[in-house]
Protein backbone atom coordinates (compact mmCIF):
# COMPACT_ATOMS: atom_id res chain seq x y z
CA MET A 1 -71.18 149.76 -15.48
CA GLU A 2 -74.55 148.06 -15.54
CA GLN A 3 -75.98 147.38 -18.98
CA PHE A 4 -79.58 147.71 -20.15
CA ILE A 5 -81.74 146.66 -23.09
CA ILE A 6 -85.00 148.09 -24.45
CA GLY A 7 -87.68 145.91 -26.00
CA ILE A 8 -90.32 147.62 -28.12
CA ASP A 9 -93.59 146.16 -29.37
CA VAL A 10 -95.02 148.03 -32.36
CA GLY A 11 -98.42 146.66 -33.35
CA GLY A 12 -101.05 147.65 -35.85
CA THR A 13 -102.91 149.64 -33.17
CA THR A 14 -100.46 150.59 -30.41
CA TYR A 15 -96.77 150.66 -29.49
CA SER A 16 -95.12 150.30 -26.09
CA SER A 17 -91.67 149.66 -24.62
CA THR A 18 -89.97 148.06 -21.63
CA LEU A 19 -86.52 148.75 -20.17
CA PHE A 20 -84.71 145.55 -19.05
CA ASP A 21 -81.52 145.05 -17.12
CA ASN A 22 -78.86 142.71 -18.49
CA ASP A 23 -80.52 139.74 -16.73
CA LEU A 24 -83.80 140.52 -18.53
CA ASN A 25 -85.54 141.76 -15.41
CA ARG A 26 -88.11 144.47 -16.07
CA VAL A 27 -86.96 147.88 -14.85
CA LYS A 28 -89.73 150.10 -16.23
CA SER A 29 -92.48 149.91 -18.85
CA SER A 30 -93.98 152.73 -20.87
CA SER A 31 -97.66 153.35 -21.40
CA LYS A 32 -99.27 152.29 -24.68
CA GLU A 33 -99.40 154.90 -27.41
CA LEU A 34 -101.93 154.81 -30.25
CA ILE A 35 -100.68 154.49 -33.81
CA LYS A 36 -103.69 156.47 -35.04
CA ASN A 37 -102.41 159.53 -33.19
CA HIS A 38 -99.58 159.79 -35.73
CA ASN A 39 -100.29 161.29 -39.13
CA SER A 40 -97.03 160.47 -40.91
CA THR A 41 -94.12 158.05 -40.92
CA ASP A 42 -91.77 160.65 -39.44
CA HIS A 43 -94.26 161.52 -36.70
CA LEU A 44 -94.55 157.85 -35.72
CA LEU A 45 -90.77 157.34 -35.74
CA GLU A 46 -90.33 160.43 -33.56
CA GLY A 47 -92.99 159.10 -31.19
CA ILE A 48 -91.15 155.80 -30.79
CA ALA A 49 -87.86 157.66 -30.25
CA GLU A 50 -89.48 159.86 -27.60
CA GLN A 51 -90.77 156.76 -25.82
CA ILE A 52 -87.23 155.34 -25.78
CA ASN A 53 -85.80 158.59 -24.43
CA SER A 54 -88.50 158.81 -21.78
CA LEU A 55 -87.63 155.35 -20.44
CA THR A 56 -83.92 156.07 -20.29
CA ASN A 57 -83.98 159.66 -19.04
CA LYS A 58 -86.54 159.11 -16.28
CA ASN A 59 -84.51 156.17 -14.99
CA ASN A 60 -81.12 157.90 -15.45
CA ILE A 61 -79.97 155.09 -17.72
CA GLY A 62 -76.97 155.71 -19.93
CA ASN A 63 -75.55 152.34 -21.01
CA ILE A 64 -78.11 150.92 -23.43
CA ILE A 65 -76.42 148.08 -25.34
CA GLY A 66 -79.22 147.56 -27.83
CA ILE A 67 -82.89 147.91 -28.68
CA GLY A 68 -85.00 145.06 -30.00
CA VAL A 69 -88.14 145.91 -31.94
CA SER A 70 -91.14 143.70 -32.54
CA CYS A 71 -93.32 144.81 -35.47
CA PRO A 72 -95.78 143.39 -38.00
CA GLY A 73 -94.41 141.52 -41.00
CA PRO A 74 -93.55 140.68 -43.60
CA LEU A 75 -90.14 142.23 -43.03
CA ASP A 76 -86.44 141.71 -43.70
CA SER A 77 -84.87 141.26 -40.28
CA ILE A 78 -81.32 141.33 -41.68
CA THR A 79 -81.53 144.73 -43.37
CA GLY A 80 -84.16 146.03 -40.95
CA ARG A 81 -86.63 146.98 -43.66
CA ILE A 82 -90.38 146.57 -43.17
CA LEU A 83 -91.85 145.21 -46.38
CA ASN A 84 -95.36 145.81 -47.69
CA THR A 85 -97.01 145.05 -44.35
CA PRO A 86 -100.82 145.34 -44.57
CA ASN A 87 -101.36 146.19 -40.91
CA LEU A 88 -99.03 149.14 -40.34
CA LYS A 89 -99.11 151.32 -43.43
CA LEU A 90 -97.06 154.15 -41.93
CA LEU A 91 -94.06 151.81 -41.83
CA GLN A 92 -94.49 150.13 -45.21
CA ASN A 93 -91.14 149.89 -47.02
CA VAL A 94 -89.37 151.80 -44.23
CA ASN A 95 -85.93 150.73 -42.99
CA LEU A 96 -86.94 150.77 -39.35
CA LYS A 97 -83.51 149.66 -38.12
CA LYS A 98 -81.75 152.52 -39.90
CA GLU A 99 -84.33 155.14 -38.91
CA LEU A 100 -84.36 154.23 -35.21
CA GLU A 101 -80.58 153.91 -35.02
CA LYS A 102 -80.33 157.43 -36.46
CA ARG A 103 -82.73 158.75 -33.81
CA SER A 104 -81.45 156.78 -30.80
CA GLY A 105 -77.74 156.25 -31.47
CA VAL A 106 -78.14 152.66 -30.26
CA PRO A 107 -77.88 149.36 -32.23
CA ILE A 108 -81.33 148.17 -33.33
CA ALA A 109 -82.52 144.64 -34.14
CA ILE A 110 -85.99 143.98 -35.56
CA GLU A 111 -88.09 140.88 -36.03
CA ASN A 112 -91.67 139.89 -36.78
CA ASP A 113 -93.98 140.59 -33.83
CA ALA A 114 -95.47 137.10 -33.71
CA ASN A 115 -91.98 135.57 -33.77
CA LEU A 116 -90.89 137.72 -30.83
CA PHE A 117 -94.13 137.10 -28.95
CA ALA A 118 -93.42 133.37 -29.39
CA PHE A 119 -89.81 133.86 -28.23
CA GLY A 120 -90.87 135.75 -25.11
CA GLU A 121 -93.62 133.28 -24.27
CA TRP A 122 -91.26 130.34 -24.76
CA PHE A 123 -88.69 131.98 -22.47
CA SER A 124 -91.16 132.83 -19.71
CA ASN A 125 -92.72 129.35 -19.88
CA GLY A 126 -89.49 127.59 -19.04
CA ALA A 127 -87.28 127.93 -22.14
CA ARG A 128 -87.37 124.17 -22.65
CA ASN A 129 -86.04 122.32 -25.67
CA GLU A 130 -89.45 121.87 -27.25
CA ILE A 131 -91.42 122.94 -30.30
CA PHE A 132 -93.34 125.99 -29.14
CA GLY A 133 -95.95 127.80 -31.22
CA ALA A 134 -97.66 131.13 -30.71
CA VAL A 135 -100.50 133.03 -32.35
CA THR A 136 -101.30 136.73 -32.07
CA LEU A 137 -104.86 137.94 -32.56
CA GLY A 138 -105.20 141.64 -33.24
CA THR A 139 -105.22 144.03 -36.17
CA GLY A 140 -103.71 141.11 -38.04
CA LEU A 141 -103.13 137.41 -37.42
CA GLY A 142 -99.58 136.31 -36.62
CA PHE A 143 -97.78 133.01 -36.12
CA GLY A 144 -94.43 132.22 -34.54
CA VAL A 145 -92.49 129.00 -33.94
CA ILE A 146 -89.57 128.22 -31.64
CA ILE A 147 -87.50 125.15 -32.57
CA ASN A 148 -84.18 124.13 -30.96
CA LYS A 149 -84.42 127.17 -28.66
CA SER A 150 -84.42 129.57 -31.61
CA ILE A 151 -86.99 131.42 -33.70
CA TYR A 152 -87.73 129.48 -36.87
CA THR A 153 -87.58 132.03 -39.69
CA GLY A 154 -87.16 129.81 -42.75
CA ALA A 155 -84.73 130.18 -45.65
CA HIS A 156 -85.42 133.89 -46.27
CA GLY A 157 -86.71 135.13 -42.90
CA LEU A 158 -90.36 134.93 -43.94
CA ALA A 159 -91.52 131.65 -42.40
CA THR A 160 -94.95 131.41 -40.72
CA GLU A 161 -96.49 134.27 -42.75
CA TYR A 162 -99.49 131.98 -43.06
CA ALA A 163 -102.21 134.55 -42.37
CA ILE A 164 -101.87 136.15 -45.81
CA SER A 165 -102.33 132.81 -47.60
CA PRO A 166 -105.46 132.89 -49.79
CA LEU A 167 -108.74 131.16 -49.09
CA GLU A 168 -111.63 130.79 -51.52
CA THR A 169 -112.62 134.28 -50.40
CA GLY A 170 -110.07 136.51 -48.67
CA ASN A 171 -107.35 135.04 -46.47
CA TRP A 172 -107.03 133.89 -42.86
CA GLU A 173 -106.78 137.47 -41.58
CA THR A 174 -110.26 138.14 -42.99
CA LYS A 175 -111.51 135.28 -40.77
CA VAL A 176 -109.43 135.81 -37.61
CA SER A 177 -108.60 139.42 -36.68
CA ILE A 178 -110.21 142.58 -35.30
CA ARG A 179 -111.91 143.30 -38.60
CA ALA A 180 -113.06 139.65 -38.70
CA ILE A 181 -114.81 139.81 -35.33
CA LYS A 182 -116.53 143.03 -36.42
CA GLU A 183 -117.70 141.33 -39.61
CA ILE A 184 -118.92 138.25 -37.75
CA SER A 185 -120.89 140.41 -35.32
CA LYS A 186 -122.98 141.77 -38.22
CA LYS A 187 -124.61 138.37 -38.56
CA TYR A 188 -125.42 137.89 -34.90
CA MET A 189 -125.82 141.31 -33.26
CA LYS A 190 -127.95 144.42 -33.63
CA ASP A 191 -126.26 147.77 -34.25
CA SER A 192 -123.06 145.84 -35.04
CA ASN A 193 -121.71 148.59 -37.31
CA HIS A 194 -120.88 150.62 -34.20
CA LEU A 195 -119.38 147.81 -32.12
CA GLU A 196 -115.71 147.39 -31.29
CA PRO A 197 -114.26 144.10 -29.92
CA ILE A 198 -114.41 145.50 -26.37
CA ASP A 199 -118.15 146.13 -26.83
CA ILE A 200 -118.68 142.55 -28.02
CA PHE A 201 -116.66 141.33 -25.05
CA ASN A 202 -118.73 143.40 -22.61
CA LYS A 203 -122.00 142.18 -24.09
CA ALA A 204 -120.83 138.58 -23.91
CA SER A 205 -119.96 139.18 -20.25
CA GLU A 206 -123.60 140.22 -19.79
CA ASN A 207 -124.76 136.95 -21.45
CA ASP A 208 -125.92 138.63 -24.64
CA SER A 209 -126.69 135.67 -26.93
CA GLY A 210 -125.63 137.49 -30.10
CA ALA A 211 -122.25 138.40 -28.63
CA ILE A 212 -121.73 134.84 -27.40
CA ASP A 213 -122.59 133.49 -30.86
CA THR A 214 -120.14 135.98 -32.38
CA TRP A 215 -117.26 134.77 -30.23
CA ASN A 216 -118.22 131.13 -30.85
CA LYS A 217 -118.00 131.67 -34.60
CA PHE A 218 -114.68 133.44 -34.15
CA GLY A 219 -113.47 130.45 -32.13
CA GLU A 220 -114.54 128.10 -34.92
CA ASN A 221 -112.57 130.14 -37.46
CA LEU A 222 -109.53 130.20 -35.19
CA GLY A 223 -109.85 126.46 -34.61
CA ASN A 224 -109.76 125.88 -38.36
CA VAL A 225 -106.57 127.87 -38.86
CA LEU A 226 -104.95 126.34 -35.76
CA SER A 227 -105.64 122.85 -37.11
CA HIS A 228 -103.57 123.79 -40.19
CA PHE A 229 -100.82 125.22 -37.98
CA ILE A 230 -100.69 122.16 -35.73
CA ASN A 231 -100.80 119.73 -38.63
CA MET A 232 -97.78 121.49 -40.17
CA ILE A 233 -95.51 121.91 -37.12
CA ASP A 234 -96.83 119.42 -34.48
CA PRO A 235 -95.90 121.61 -31.46
CA HIS A 236 -95.85 120.78 -27.77
CA LYS A 237 -97.59 124.05 -26.84
CA ILE A 238 -99.31 127.04 -28.43
CA SER A 239 -99.73 130.37 -26.65
CA ILE A 240 -102.53 132.69 -27.77
CA GLY A 241 -101.86 136.43 -27.44
CA GLY A 242 -102.74 139.76 -29.00
CA GLY A 243 -105.55 142.14 -28.07
CA LEU A 244 -108.38 139.73 -28.88
CA SER A 245 -106.95 137.05 -26.59
CA GLY A 246 -108.56 138.92 -23.69
CA SER A 247 -111.81 137.28 -24.83
CA TYR A 248 -110.23 133.82 -24.72
CA ASN A 249 -112.83 132.40 -22.35
CA PHE A 250 -115.58 133.20 -24.86
CA PHE A 251 -114.01 131.43 -27.84
CA GLU A 252 -111.89 128.72 -26.18
CA ASN A 253 -114.45 125.90 -26.34
CA THR A 254 -115.41 126.21 -30.01
CA MET A 255 -111.76 126.77 -30.92
CA LYS A 256 -110.64 123.54 -29.23
CA GLU A 257 -113.64 121.56 -30.48
CA THR A 258 -112.81 122.57 -34.05
CA VAL A 259 -109.09 121.84 -33.69
CA SER A 260 -109.96 118.40 -32.35
CA LEU A 261 -112.03 117.65 -35.46
CA TYR A 262 -109.20 118.34 -37.89
CA SER A 263 -105.90 117.76 -36.07
CA PRO A 264 -104.94 114.20 -35.07
CA ALA A 265 -101.89 115.49 -33.18
CA TYR A 266 -104.05 117.73 -30.99
CA LYS A 267 -106.64 115.02 -30.42
CA ASN A 268 -104.14 112.33 -29.47
CA TYR A 269 -101.15 114.03 -27.86
CA ASN A 270 -102.44 116.60 -25.39
CA ILE A 271 -101.01 119.68 -27.12
CA ASP A 272 -101.41 122.55 -24.68
CA ILE A 273 -103.22 125.59 -26.15
CA PHE A 274 -103.43 128.41 -23.61
CA GLU A 275 -104.01 132.14 -23.22
CA SER A 276 -100.91 134.24 -22.70
CA LYS A 277 -100.62 135.86 -19.29
CA ASP A 278 -98.16 138.51 -20.39
CA LYS A 279 -99.62 139.70 -23.74
CA GLU A 280 -97.52 142.46 -25.36
CA PHE A 281 -94.88 142.21 -22.62
CA SER A 282 -93.88 138.85 -24.13
CA ALA A 283 -93.18 140.56 -27.46
CA GLN A 284 -91.04 143.15 -25.64
CA LEU A 285 -89.22 140.36 -23.80
CA GLY A 286 -88.68 138.52 -27.09
CA ALA A 287 -87.34 141.75 -28.59
CA ALA A 288 -84.89 142.09 -25.68
CA LEU A 289 -83.80 138.48 -26.21
CA LEU A 290 -82.71 139.46 -29.73
CA ILE A 291 -80.09 141.69 -28.10
């Protein structure tokens, strides 16, 4: 009997799933569902379970060997418990593995979303024996590293949780995230209190100078944090994903200019920084690779 795997990407804003065959070919993907449409932990867990059931029932799939789940950290991937994650409050201190196994009857594995995005991107970009980094830009800021063909998780499973490290004011997520781009826009754009990232993107597409300045400043902030990341791990490549990566063309130049100022490895060794083509699908693929 043919075997199947489900990969789920639960972010701070949306969640979505993909059904894979045993060779990791995509069979069917769900639509994105909004986290804000759920008013309790149980309601969100039931929504994820319904999405799983919809993928399997509509495709007449019975032999699911496992479900991998990508979700915001920090988390304990061994026990399956989400810790005090700042970007998904409905799942704070919830044992997601236990709760989803109870609802699905299938073995569950969970891991940090940025780690699984990195794993999926590494796999789809050739699965070479190289040091591969990834960054997710969305509700939060995430980092992942692949070394020796495996996710680097550190001694306690909490490696690369760099975004929550303190700065003189705030932390890196206050400089590089959805709320960061909204805050930056207040300096450069009129009526910025009502603008979402998509609005800033659209205005930049129309050559609005304030929107362009906003993305340039965002790129400078991202370049600063990437210079730290590169100086620590010296990767061959870094993939940029998450919802804000759709505006990559607007912040790429200032990002790379800033990295070049502060990272000798980037300046001298042609480290490839690029926009992900697959976005959240890479996190789903990374989740399936766990299984």
